[in-house]
N, C-alpha and C. Protein backbone atom coordinates (compact mmCIF):
# COMPACT_ATOMS: atom_id res chain seq x y z
N UNK A 1 -1.43 -17.24 -3.13
CA UNK A 1 -1.21 -15.81 -1.93
C UNK A 1 -1.84 -14.40 -2.90
N UNK A 2 -2.52 -13.80 -2.06
CA UNK A 2 -2.95 -12.53 -2.99
C UNK A 2 -1.66 -11.64 -2.41
N UNK A 3 -1.52 -10.62 -3.53
CA UNK A 3 -0.17 -9.74 -3.40
C UNK A 3 -0.57 -8.64 -3.62
N UNK A 4 -1.55 -7.94 -2.74
CA UNK A 4 -1.94 -6.25 -3.36
C UNK A 4 -1.66 -5.37 -2.09
N UNK A 5 -1.61 -4.23 -2.09
CA UNK A 5 -1.64 -3.27 -0.75
C UNK A 5 -2.77 -2.19 -1.56
N UNK A 6 -3.53 -2.28 -0.40
CA UNK A 6 -4.80 -1.40 -0.35
C UNK A 6 -4.94 -0.43 0.57
N UNK A 7 -4.69 0.99 0.19
CA UNK A 7 -4.75 2.46 1.10
C UNK A 7 -6.19 2.93 0.90
N UNK A 8 -7.05 3.27 1.88
CA UNK A 8 -7.88 3.81 1.73
C UNK A 8 -8.02 5.47 2.58
N UNK A 9 -8.00 6.28 1.91
CA UNK A 9 -8.10 7.52 2.86
C UNK A 9 -9.20 8.34 2.90
N UNK A 10 -9.34 8.97 3.99
CA UNK A 10 -10.74 9.87 4.37
C UNK A 10 -10.46 11.16 3.27
N UNK A 11 -11.81 11.64 3.29
CA UNK A 11 -11.87 12.72 2.25
C UNK A 11 -10.60 13.86 2.55
N UNK A 12 -10.33 14.58 1.22
CA UNK A 12 -9.09 15.38 1.55
C UNK A 12 -7.70 14.89 0.99
N UNK A 13 -6.84 15.66 1.66
CA UNK A 13 -5.50 15.33 1.18
C UNK A 13 -4.66 14.56 2.38
N UNK A 14 -3.79 13.46 2.30
CA UNK A 14 -3.31 13.17 1.31
C UNK A 14 -4.32 11.87 0.62
N UNK A 15 -4.25 11.63 -0.63
CA UNK A 15 -4.77 10.68 -1.18
C UNK A 15 -3.48 9.56 -1.28
N UNK A 16 -4.56 8.09 -1.33
CA UNK A 16 -3.57 6.92 -1.58
C UNK A 16 -2.41 6.83 -2.60
N UNK A 17 -2.22 7.59 -3.69
CA UNK A 17 -1.63 7.72 -4.77
C UNK A 17 -0.36 8.43 -4.17
N UNK A 18 -0.58 9.39 -3.10
CA UNK A 18 0.33 10.30 -2.63
C UNK A 18 1.53 9.56 -1.81
N UNK A 19 0.69 8.39 -1.26
CA UNK A 19 1.31 7.55 -0.01
C UNK A 19 1.93 6.28 -0.07
N UNK A 20 2.00 5.83 -1.32
CA UNK A 20 2.07 4.52 -1.82
C UNK A 20 3.57 4.64 -1.95
N UNK A 21 4.10 5.79 -2.43
CA UNK A 21 5.69 5.82 -2.73
C UNK A 21 6.47 5.33 -1.48
N UNK A 22 5.88 5.93 -0.37
CA UNK A 22 6.57 5.70 1.07
C UNK A 22 6.42 4.48 1.61
N UNK A 23 5.21 3.84 1.19
CA UNK A 23 5.05 2.37 1.50
C UNK A 23 6.00 1.39 0.94
N UNK A 24 6.31 1.60 -0.21
CA UNK A 24 7.10 0.65 -0.90
C UNK A 24 8.66 0.70 -0.93
N UNK A 25 9.05 1.96 -0.56
CA UNK A 25 10.32 2.72 -0.90
C UNK A 25 11.30 1.54 -0.17
N UNK A 26 12.19 1.38 -0.91
CA UNK A 26 13.46 0.26 -0.68
C UNK A 26 12.95 -0.91 -0.56
N UNK A 27 11.77 -1.46 -0.76
CA UNK A 27 11.33 -3.09 -0.74
C UNK A 27 11.60 -3.60 -2.01
N UNK A 28 11.98 -2.91 -3.28
CA UNK A 28 12.01 -3.62 -4.36
C UNK A 28 10.85 -3.63 -5.10
N UNK A 29 9.55 -3.03 -4.60
CA UNK A 29 8.98 -3.12 -5.47
C UNK A 29 8.27 -1.89 -6.18
N UNK A 30 8.16 -2.18 -7.67
CA UNK A 30 7.98 -0.97 -8.41
C UNK A 30 6.93 0.08 -7.96
N UNK A 31 6.80 1.33 -8.30
CA UNK A 31 6.11 2.47 -8.43
C UNK A 31 5.13 2.00 -9.60
N UNK A 32 3.68 1.80 -9.35
CA UNK A 32 2.93 1.64 -10.64
C UNK A 32 1.42 2.18 -10.29
N UNK A 33 0.71 2.48 -11.59
CA UNK A 33 -0.57 3.19 -11.01
C UNK A 33 -1.57 1.88 -10.51
N UNK A 34 -2.41 2.34 -9.51
CA UNK A 34 -3.23 1.28 -8.90
C UNK A 34 -4.04 0.72 -9.98
N UNK A 35 -4.44 -0.52 -9.73
CA UNK A 35 -5.57 -1.47 -10.43
C UNK A 35 -6.68 -0.89 -10.33
N UNK A 36 -6.93 -0.61 -9.35
CA UNK A 36 -8.53 0.03 -9.28
C UNK A 36 -8.61 1.31 -8.03
N UNK A 37 -9.47 1.98 -8.14
CA UNK A 37 -9.74 3.10 -7.39
C UNK A 37 -11.08 3.33 -7.44
N UNK A 38 -11.41 3.79 -6.34
CA UNK A 38 -12.70 3.85 -5.58
C UNK A 38 -13.20 4.95 -4.64
N UNK A 39 -13.49 5.90 -4.91
CA UNK A 39 -13.74 6.92 -3.92
C UNK A 39 -11.94 7.09 -3.27
N UNK A 40 -11.90 7.12 -2.14
CA UNK A 40 -10.55 7.26 -1.40
C UNK A 40 -9.98 6.06 -1.32
N UNK A 41 -10.21 5.06 -1.73
CA UNK A 41 -9.26 3.74 -1.79
C UNK A 41 -8.74 3.04 -3.16
N UNK A 42 -7.61 2.94 -2.93
CA UNK A 42 -6.65 2.39 -4.10
C UNK A 42 -6.46 1.21 -3.96
N UNK A 43 -6.01 0.36 -4.67
CA UNK A 43 -5.36 -1.17 -4.71
C UNK A 43 -4.16 -1.04 -5.93
N UNK A 44 -3.21 -1.55 -5.44
CA UNK A 44 -2.25 -1.94 -6.25
C UNK A 44 -1.91 -3.58 -6.22
N UNK A 45 -1.70 -3.90 -7.41
CA UNK A 45 -1.63 -5.40 -7.67
C UNK A 45 -0.06 -6.02 -7.72
N UNK A 46 0.29 -6.51 -6.85
CA UNK A 46 2.11 -7.08 -7.18
C UNK A 46 1.82 -8.51 -7.28
N UNK A 47 0.82 -8.91 -8.17
CA UNK A 47 1.06 -10.62 -8.39
C UNK A 47 2.12 -11.11 -9.05
N UNK A 48 2.64 -10.27 -9.72
CA UNK A 48 4.38 -10.68 -10.35
C UNK A 48 5.45 -10.83 -9.43
N UNK A 49 4.97 -10.36 -8.25
CA UNK A 49 6.22 -10.34 -7.17
C UNK A 49 6.82 -12.03 -6.79
N UNK A 50 7.52 -12.46 -6.72
CA UNK A 50 7.70 -13.90 -6.42
C UNK A 50 7.57 -13.93 -4.85
N UNK A 51 6.72 -15.35 -4.40
CA UNK A 51 6.36 -15.23 -3.06
C UNK A 51 7.27 -14.95 -2.17
N UNK A 52 8.74 -15.54 -2.13
CA UNK A 52 9.72 -15.56 -0.81
C UNK A 52 9.79 -14.09 -0.86
N UNK A 53 10.11 -12.84 -2.00
CA UNK A 53 10.29 -11.62 -2.02
C UNK A 53 8.68 -10.87 -1.08
N UNK A 54 7.75 -11.37 -1.65
CA UNK A 54 6.52 -10.72 -1.05
C UNK A 54 6.52 -11.08 0.55
N UNK A 55 6.79 -12.64 0.80
CA UNK A 55 7.05 -12.91 2.22
C UNK A 55 8.00 -12.27 2.93
N UNK A 56 9.23 -11.53 2.49
CA UNK A 56 9.99 -11.32 3.17
C UNK A 56 9.66 -9.49 3.58
N UNK A 57 9.25 -8.71 2.45
CA UNK A 57 8.75 -7.27 2.78
C UNK A 57 7.66 -7.20 3.54
N UNK A 58 6.63 -8.35 3.95
CA UNK A 58 5.50 -7.96 4.72
C UNK A 58 5.68 -7.23 6.03
N UNK A 59 6.69 -7.60 6.91
CA UNK A 59 6.84 -6.78 8.09
C UNK A 59 7.23 -5.34 7.92
N UNK A 60 7.56 -5.08 6.61
CA UNK A 60 7.90 -3.58 6.48
C UNK A 60 6.86 -2.96 5.93
N UNK A 61 6.20 -3.57 5.10
CA UNK A 61 4.81 -3.07 4.75
C UNK A 61 3.54 -3.08 5.81
N UNK A 62 3.62 -3.83 6.53
CA UNK A 62 2.71 -3.77 7.73
C UNK A 62 3.08 -2.47 8.80
N UNK A 63 4.60 -2.46 8.97
CA UNK A 63 4.77 -1.40 9.77
C UNK A 63 4.46 0.14 9.47
N UNK A 64 4.63 0.26 7.81
CA UNK A 64 4.46 1.39 7.46
C UNK A 64 2.98 1.80 7.03
N UNK A 65 2.14 0.94 6.83
CA UNK A 65 0.76 0.81 6.65
C UNK A 65 0.08 1.29 8.16
N UNK A 66 0.55 0.54 9.18
CA UNK A 66 -0.01 0.61 10.35
C UNK A 66 0.25 2.04 10.98
N UNK A 67 1.31 2.58 10.80
CA UNK A 67 1.95 3.68 10.72
C UNK A 67 0.94 4.85 10.34
N UNK A 68 0.57 4.73 9.22
CA UNK A 68 -0.36 5.87 8.12
C UNK A 68 -1.63 5.84 9.15
N UNK A 69 -1.72 4.59 9.49
CA UNK A 69 -3.26 4.43 10.23
C UNK A 69 -3.21 5.27 11.59
N UNK A 70 -2.30 5.05 12.38
CA UNK A 70 -2.14 5.50 13.56
C UNK A 70 -2.01 7.09 13.29
N UNK A 71 -1.43 7.80 12.34
CA UNK A 71 -1.20 9.15 12.39
C UNK A 71 -2.56 9.71 11.60
N UNK A 72 -3.44 8.83 11.27
CA UNK A 72 -4.79 9.29 10.46
C UNK A 72 -4.89 9.75 9.27
N UNK A 73 -3.59 9.18 8.73
CA UNK A 73 -3.52 9.69 7.33
C UNK A 73 -4.30 8.56 6.27
N UNK A 74 -4.69 7.51 6.92
CA UNK A 74 -5.55 6.43 6.33
C UNK A 74 -6.90 5.77 6.97
N UNK A 75 -7.72 5.46 6.53
CA UNK A 75 -8.83 4.70 7.26
C UNK A 75 -8.41 3.32 7.40
N UNK A 76 -8.27 2.91 6.35
CA UNK A 76 -7.69 1.20 6.18
C UNK A 76 -6.62 1.06 5.23
N UNK A 77 -6.07 -0.08 5.92
CA UNK A 77 -4.90 -0.62 4.69
C UNK A 77 -4.71 -2.10 4.88
N UNK A 78 -4.24 -2.67 3.60
CA UNK A 78 -4.27 -4.10 3.99
C UNK A 78 -2.76 -4.32 3.12
N UNK A 79 -2.10 -5.44 3.22
CA UNK A 79 -0.90 -5.82 2.53
C UNK A 79 -0.80 -7.35 2.48
């Protein structure tokens, strides 16, 4: 099971690093540095998170990332 969060922002502000804290807030996931950055796309690796915890927080991550997309803050997001 892949356990990553990816956020891709259009040019300008905000940047993915500005948004990740709001995505993971209250989920128990630690705030950490992105494992990769390429232009406006950043990816955070949470492979250490137990499968059950990861499955439990999927609906929260989905809701928050889709909201960022719908508000035009990101071009793409995955969880």
